N, C-alpha and C. Protein backbone atom coordinates (compact mmCIF):
# COMPACT_ATOMS: atom_id res chain seq x y z
N MET A 1 0.81 -1.20 0.00
CA MET A 1 0.00 0.00 0.00
C MET A 1 0.86 1.26 0.00
N ASP A 2 2.16 1.12 -0.08
CA ASP A 2 3.02 2.30 -0.11
C ASP A 2 2.93 3.04 -1.43
N ASN A 3 2.42 2.38 -2.46
CA ASN A 3 2.36 2.99 -3.79
C ASN A 3 1.08 3.79 -4.03
N TYR A 4 0.16 3.77 -3.08
CA TYR A 4 -1.11 4.48 -3.23
C TYR A 4 -1.71 4.75 -1.86
N LYS A 5 -2.75 5.58 -1.84
CA LYS A 5 -3.42 5.94 -0.58
C LYS A 5 -4.92 5.77 -0.74
N TRP A 6 -5.59 5.57 0.38
CA TRP A 6 -7.05 5.49 0.42
C TRP A 6 -7.61 6.64 1.24
N ASN A 7 -8.67 7.22 0.78
CA ASN A 7 -9.48 8.09 1.62
C ASN A 7 -10.07 7.19 2.72
N PRO A 8 -10.16 7.65 3.97
CA PRO A 8 -10.67 6.78 5.04
C PRO A 8 -12.06 6.20 4.75
N ASP A 9 -12.94 6.97 4.14
CA ASP A 9 -14.28 6.45 3.81
C ASP A 9 -14.19 5.36 2.75
N ALA A 10 -13.35 5.56 1.76
CA ALA A 10 -13.18 4.55 0.71
C ALA A 10 -12.57 3.27 1.29
N TRP A 11 -11.62 3.43 2.22
CA TRP A 11 -11.00 2.26 2.84
C TRP A 11 -12.05 1.47 3.62
N ARG A 12 -12.95 2.17 4.33
CA ARG A 12 -14.04 1.48 5.04
C ARG A 12 -14.95 0.75 4.05
N GLU A 13 -15.24 1.39 2.92
CA GLU A 13 -16.05 0.72 1.89
C GLU A 13 -15.38 -0.58 1.44
N TYR A 14 -14.08 -0.49 1.19
CA TYR A 14 -13.33 -1.67 0.76
C TYR A 14 -13.35 -2.77 1.83
N LEU A 15 -13.09 -2.39 3.08
CA LEU A 15 -13.09 -3.38 4.16
C LEU A 15 -14.47 -4.01 4.34
N ASN A 16 -15.53 -3.23 4.14
CA ASN A 16 -16.89 -3.79 4.21
C ASN A 16 -17.12 -4.82 3.11
N LEU A 17 -16.59 -4.57 1.93
CA LEU A 17 -16.70 -5.55 0.84
C LEU A 17 -15.98 -6.84 1.22
N VAL A 18 -14.80 -6.70 1.83
CA VAL A 18 -14.05 -7.88 2.28
C VAL A 18 -14.85 -8.62 3.35
N ALA A 19 -15.39 -7.89 4.33
CA ALA A 19 -16.15 -8.50 5.42
C ALA A 19 -17.42 -9.20 4.91
N GLN A 20 -18.01 -8.65 3.86
CA GLN A 20 -19.22 -9.24 3.27
C GLN A 20 -18.89 -10.38 2.30
N ASN A 21 -17.59 -10.69 2.19
CA ASN A 21 -17.12 -11.77 1.34
C ASN A 21 -17.49 -11.58 -0.14
N LYS A 22 -17.44 -10.34 -0.59
CA LYS A 22 -17.71 -10.01 -1.99
C LYS A 22 -16.41 -10.16 -2.79
N ILE A 23 -16.00 -11.42 -2.91
CA ILE A 23 -14.69 -11.75 -3.47
C ILE A 23 -14.51 -11.22 -4.89
N ASN A 24 -15.52 -11.36 -5.74
CA ASN A 24 -15.39 -10.90 -7.13
C ASN A 24 -15.12 -9.41 -7.20
N ILE A 25 -15.83 -8.63 -6.39
CA ILE A 25 -15.65 -7.18 -6.40
C ILE A 25 -14.28 -6.81 -5.84
N VAL A 26 -13.89 -7.45 -4.74
CA VAL A 26 -12.58 -7.17 -4.13
C VAL A 26 -11.45 -7.50 -5.11
N GLU A 27 -11.55 -8.64 -5.78
CA GLU A 27 -10.52 -9.01 -6.75
C GLU A 27 -10.47 -8.03 -7.91
N LYS A 28 -11.63 -7.57 -8.35
CA LYS A 28 -11.66 -6.59 -9.45
C LYS A 28 -11.01 -5.28 -9.01
N ILE A 29 -11.28 -4.83 -7.79
CA ILE A 29 -10.65 -3.61 -7.27
C ILE A 29 -9.13 -3.77 -7.23
N ILE A 30 -8.67 -4.91 -6.74
CA ILE A 30 -7.23 -5.16 -6.69
C ILE A 30 -6.63 -5.12 -8.09
N ASN A 31 -7.30 -5.75 -9.05
CA ASN A 31 -6.82 -5.74 -10.44
C ASN A 31 -6.78 -4.32 -11.01
N LEU A 32 -7.81 -3.52 -10.70
CA LEU A 32 -7.84 -2.14 -11.18
C LEU A 32 -6.70 -1.33 -10.58
N ILE A 33 -6.46 -1.49 -9.29
CA ILE A 33 -5.37 -0.77 -8.63
C ILE A 33 -4.02 -1.14 -9.26
N GLU A 34 -3.80 -2.43 -9.45
CA GLU A 34 -2.55 -2.87 -10.07
C GLU A 34 -2.39 -2.28 -11.47
N ASP A 35 -3.50 -2.20 -12.21
CA ASP A 35 -3.46 -1.65 -13.56
C ASP A 35 -3.18 -0.15 -13.54
N ILE A 36 -3.76 0.56 -12.59
CA ILE A 36 -3.50 2.00 -12.46
C ILE A 36 -2.02 2.24 -12.16
N LEU A 37 -1.46 1.44 -11.27
CA LEU A 37 -0.04 1.58 -10.94
C LEU A 37 0.85 1.28 -12.14
N LYS A 38 0.43 0.35 -12.96
CA LYS A 38 1.22 -0.05 -14.13
C LYS A 38 1.05 0.90 -15.31
N ASN A 39 -0.20 1.31 -15.60
CA ASN A 39 -0.51 2.03 -16.84
C ASN A 39 -0.88 3.50 -16.67
N GLY A 40 -1.04 3.96 -15.45
CA GLY A 40 -1.41 5.36 -15.24
C GLY A 40 -2.92 5.55 -15.12
N ALA A 41 -3.31 6.79 -14.96
CA ALA A 41 -4.69 7.14 -14.63
C ALA A 41 -5.69 6.84 -15.74
N LEU A 42 -5.30 7.00 -16.99
CA LEU A 42 -6.28 6.93 -18.08
C LEU A 42 -6.05 5.80 -19.08
N LYS A 43 -5.20 4.85 -18.77
CA LYS A 43 -4.98 3.73 -19.68
C LYS A 43 -5.24 2.43 -18.93
N GLY A 44 -5.70 1.42 -19.66
CA GLY A 44 -5.85 0.11 -19.06
C GLY A 44 -7.28 -0.37 -18.96
N ILE A 45 -7.50 -1.29 -18.04
CA ILE A 45 -8.79 -1.96 -17.90
C ILE A 45 -9.80 -1.11 -17.13
N GLY A 46 -11.06 -1.48 -17.21
CA GLY A 46 -12.11 -0.82 -16.44
C GLY A 46 -12.67 0.44 -17.07
N LYS A 47 -12.42 0.64 -18.34
CA LYS A 47 -12.92 1.83 -19.05
C LYS A 47 -12.57 3.12 -18.31
N PRO A 48 -11.29 3.40 -18.12
CA PRO A 48 -10.91 4.61 -17.37
C PRO A 48 -11.37 5.87 -18.08
N GLU A 49 -11.85 6.82 -17.28
CA GLU A 49 -12.27 8.11 -17.83
C GLU A 49 -12.10 9.20 -16.78
N ARG A 50 -11.89 10.41 -17.26
CA ARG A 50 -11.83 11.56 -16.37
C ARG A 50 -13.26 12.01 -16.11
N LEU A 51 -13.56 12.27 -14.84
CA LEU A 51 -14.91 12.71 -14.48
C LEU A 51 -15.10 14.17 -14.83
N LYS A 52 -16.30 14.49 -15.25
CA LYS A 52 -16.66 15.88 -15.56
C LYS A 52 -17.36 16.48 -14.35
N HIS A 53 -17.47 17.79 -14.34
CA HIS A 53 -18.22 18.53 -13.31
C HIS A 53 -17.67 18.30 -11.91
N THR A 54 -16.35 18.29 -11.79
CA THR A 54 -15.72 18.08 -10.48
C THR A 54 -15.05 19.34 -9.96
N LYS A 55 -15.54 20.47 -10.39
CA LYS A 55 -15.01 21.77 -9.98
C LYS A 55 -13.52 21.83 -10.32
N ASN A 56 -12.68 22.08 -9.34
CA ASN A 56 -11.24 22.21 -9.62
C ASN A 56 -10.48 20.91 -9.33
N LYS A 57 -11.17 19.83 -9.09
CA LYS A 57 -10.52 18.55 -8.79
C LYS A 57 -10.46 17.70 -10.06
N ILE A 58 -9.33 17.07 -10.29
CA ILE A 58 -9.19 16.16 -11.41
C ILE A 58 -9.37 14.74 -10.86
N LEU A 59 -10.49 14.13 -11.21
CA LEU A 59 -10.84 12.80 -10.73
C LEU A 59 -11.03 11.86 -11.90
N TYR A 60 -10.79 10.59 -11.63
CA TYR A 60 -10.93 9.54 -12.64
C TYR A 60 -11.83 8.43 -12.11
N SER A 61 -12.33 7.64 -13.03
CA SER A 61 -13.23 6.55 -12.69
C SER A 61 -12.88 5.32 -13.51
N ARG A 62 -13.02 4.16 -12.89
CA ARG A 62 -12.92 2.88 -13.60
C ARG A 62 -14.06 1.98 -13.15
N ARG A 63 -14.56 1.23 -14.08
CA ARG A 63 -15.71 0.35 -13.82
C ARG A 63 -15.27 -0.89 -13.04
N ILE A 64 -15.91 -1.10 -11.89
CA ILE A 64 -15.73 -2.33 -11.13
C ILE A 64 -16.73 -3.36 -11.64
N ASP A 65 -17.99 -2.95 -11.67
CA ASP A 65 -19.07 -3.76 -12.23
C ASP A 65 -20.18 -2.82 -12.68
N GLN A 66 -21.33 -3.36 -12.98
CA GLN A 66 -22.42 -2.55 -13.51
C GLN A 66 -22.83 -1.42 -12.55
N TYR A 67 -22.68 -1.64 -11.26
CA TYR A 67 -23.19 -0.69 -10.27
C TYR A 67 -22.12 0.11 -9.54
N ASN A 68 -20.90 -0.33 -9.59
CA ASN A 68 -19.84 0.28 -8.78
C ASN A 68 -18.69 0.78 -9.64
N ARG A 69 -18.10 1.90 -9.20
CA ARG A 69 -16.95 2.49 -9.86
C ARG A 69 -15.86 2.75 -8.83
N LEU A 70 -14.62 2.59 -9.26
CA LEU A 70 -13.48 2.99 -8.45
C LEU A 70 -13.15 4.42 -8.84
N ILE A 71 -13.31 5.34 -7.91
CA ILE A 71 -13.07 6.76 -8.15
C ILE A 71 -11.73 7.11 -7.50
N TYR A 72 -10.89 7.83 -8.23
CA TYR A 72 -9.55 8.12 -7.73
C TYR A 72 -9.00 9.39 -8.37
N GLY A 73 -7.97 9.89 -7.75
CA GLY A 73 -7.21 11.01 -8.30
C GLY A 73 -5.74 10.69 -8.14
N ILE A 74 -4.90 11.58 -8.63
CA ILE A 74 -3.46 11.44 -8.45
C ILE A 74 -3.02 12.56 -7.51
N GLU A 75 -2.51 12.19 -6.35
CA GLU A 75 -2.12 13.17 -5.34
C GLU A 75 -0.92 13.97 -5.85
N ALA A 76 -1.05 15.28 -5.82
CA ALA A 76 -0.02 16.17 -6.38
C ALA A 76 1.31 16.05 -5.63
N GLU A 77 1.25 15.98 -4.31
CA GLU A 77 2.47 15.97 -3.50
C GLU A 77 3.30 14.70 -3.71
N THR A 78 2.62 13.56 -3.81
CA THR A 78 3.33 12.27 -3.87
C THR A 78 3.31 11.63 -5.25
N ASN A 79 2.44 12.11 -6.12
CA ASN A 79 2.24 11.53 -7.46
C ASN A 79 1.71 10.10 -7.37
N LYS A 80 1.03 9.78 -6.27
CA LYS A 80 0.47 8.44 -6.06
C LYS A 80 -1.04 8.48 -6.25
N PRO A 81 -1.63 7.36 -6.71
CA PRO A 81 -3.09 7.29 -6.78
C PRO A 81 -3.70 7.44 -5.38
N TYR A 82 -4.81 8.16 -5.34
CA TYR A 82 -5.55 8.38 -4.10
C TYR A 82 -6.98 7.91 -4.35
N PHE A 83 -7.38 6.81 -3.70
CA PHE A 83 -8.68 6.20 -3.94
C PHE A 83 -9.74 6.82 -3.05
N ILE A 84 -10.81 7.26 -3.68
CA ILE A 84 -11.82 8.09 -3.02
C ILE A 84 -13.11 7.33 -2.75
N SER A 85 -13.45 6.39 -3.62
CA SER A 85 -14.69 5.63 -3.47
C SER A 85 -14.59 4.34 -4.26
N CYS A 86 -15.21 3.28 -3.73
CA CYS A 86 -15.27 2.02 -4.47
C CYS A 86 -16.65 1.39 -4.42
N ILE A 87 -17.62 2.13 -3.92
CA ILE A 87 -19.00 1.66 -3.86
C ILE A 87 -19.88 2.67 -4.57
N GLY A 88 -20.77 2.17 -5.38
CA GLY A 88 -21.71 3.05 -6.05
C GLY A 88 -21.15 3.65 -7.32
N HIS A 89 -21.88 4.61 -7.79
CA HIS A 89 -21.58 5.28 -9.05
C HIS A 89 -21.28 6.73 -8.70
N TYR A 90 -20.96 7.55 -9.67
CA TYR A 90 -20.65 8.94 -9.37
C TYR A 90 -21.87 9.84 -9.39
N LYS A 91 -23.03 9.25 -9.20
CA LYS A 91 -24.24 10.07 -9.05
C LYS A 91 -24.15 10.90 -7.78
N ASN A 92 -23.40 10.40 -6.81
CA ASN A 92 -23.24 11.09 -5.54
C ASN A 92 -21.96 11.93 -5.57
N LEU A 93 -21.82 12.76 -6.59
CA LEU A 93 -20.59 13.52 -6.80
C LEU A 93 -20.30 14.50 -5.67
N LYS A 94 -21.33 15.09 -5.07
CA LYS A 94 -21.11 16.02 -3.95
C LYS A 94 -20.38 15.33 -2.80
N GLU A 95 -20.81 14.13 -2.48
CA GLU A 95 -20.16 13.37 -1.40
C GLU A 95 -18.72 13.04 -1.77
N ILE A 96 -18.50 12.65 -3.01
CA ILE A 96 -17.15 12.33 -3.47
C ILE A 96 -16.24 13.55 -3.36
N LEU A 97 -16.74 14.71 -3.78
CA LEU A 97 -15.94 15.93 -3.72
C LEU A 97 -15.63 16.34 -2.28
N LYS A 98 -16.55 16.08 -1.35
CA LYS A 98 -16.29 16.38 0.07
C LYS A 98 -15.10 15.57 0.58
N ARG A 99 -14.95 14.37 0.07
CA ARG A 99 -13.87 13.49 0.53
C ARG A 99 -12.48 14.00 0.12
N VAL A 100 -12.42 14.89 -0.85
CA VAL A 100 -11.12 15.36 -1.33
C VAL A 100 -10.96 16.87 -1.22
N GLU A 101 -11.76 17.51 -0.38
CA GLU A 101 -11.69 18.97 -0.23
C GLU A 101 -10.29 19.45 0.13
N ASP A 102 -9.61 18.73 1.00
CA ASP A 102 -8.31 19.17 1.50
C ASP A 102 -7.13 18.46 0.84
N ILE A 103 -7.38 17.74 -0.23
CA ILE A 103 -6.32 17.00 -0.93
C ILE A 103 -6.06 17.68 -2.26
N GLU A 104 -4.80 17.95 -2.55
CA GLU A 104 -4.45 18.53 -3.85
C GLU A 104 -4.18 17.40 -4.83
N LEU A 105 -5.00 17.36 -5.88
CA LEU A 105 -4.88 16.33 -6.90
C LEU A 105 -4.45 16.96 -8.21
N LYS A 106 -3.77 16.16 -9.02
CA LYS A 106 -3.36 16.68 -10.33
C LYS A 106 -3.85 15.78 -11.43
């Protein structure tokens, strides 16, 4: 985990998936993270895309499954991926943006 960081809420979401034994989703998240580390923010699996309407934050999304997206940014200070959400879709963009108010992303 030294190569990336989790927002505390996103980490809780991930741990809840593990606790609920949602193995397929957890494995997909792990694969997406490995791919982000290997290929960067906008290349690779999971249909990576930059999110629109995020004010001054640069955020990206990758498809976990039909209902869930891995939302992340690249932390400016460390140049590491910063995972913001792994449950749901970006319909709840206000909540997602609250999670990164104090984080500088590039």
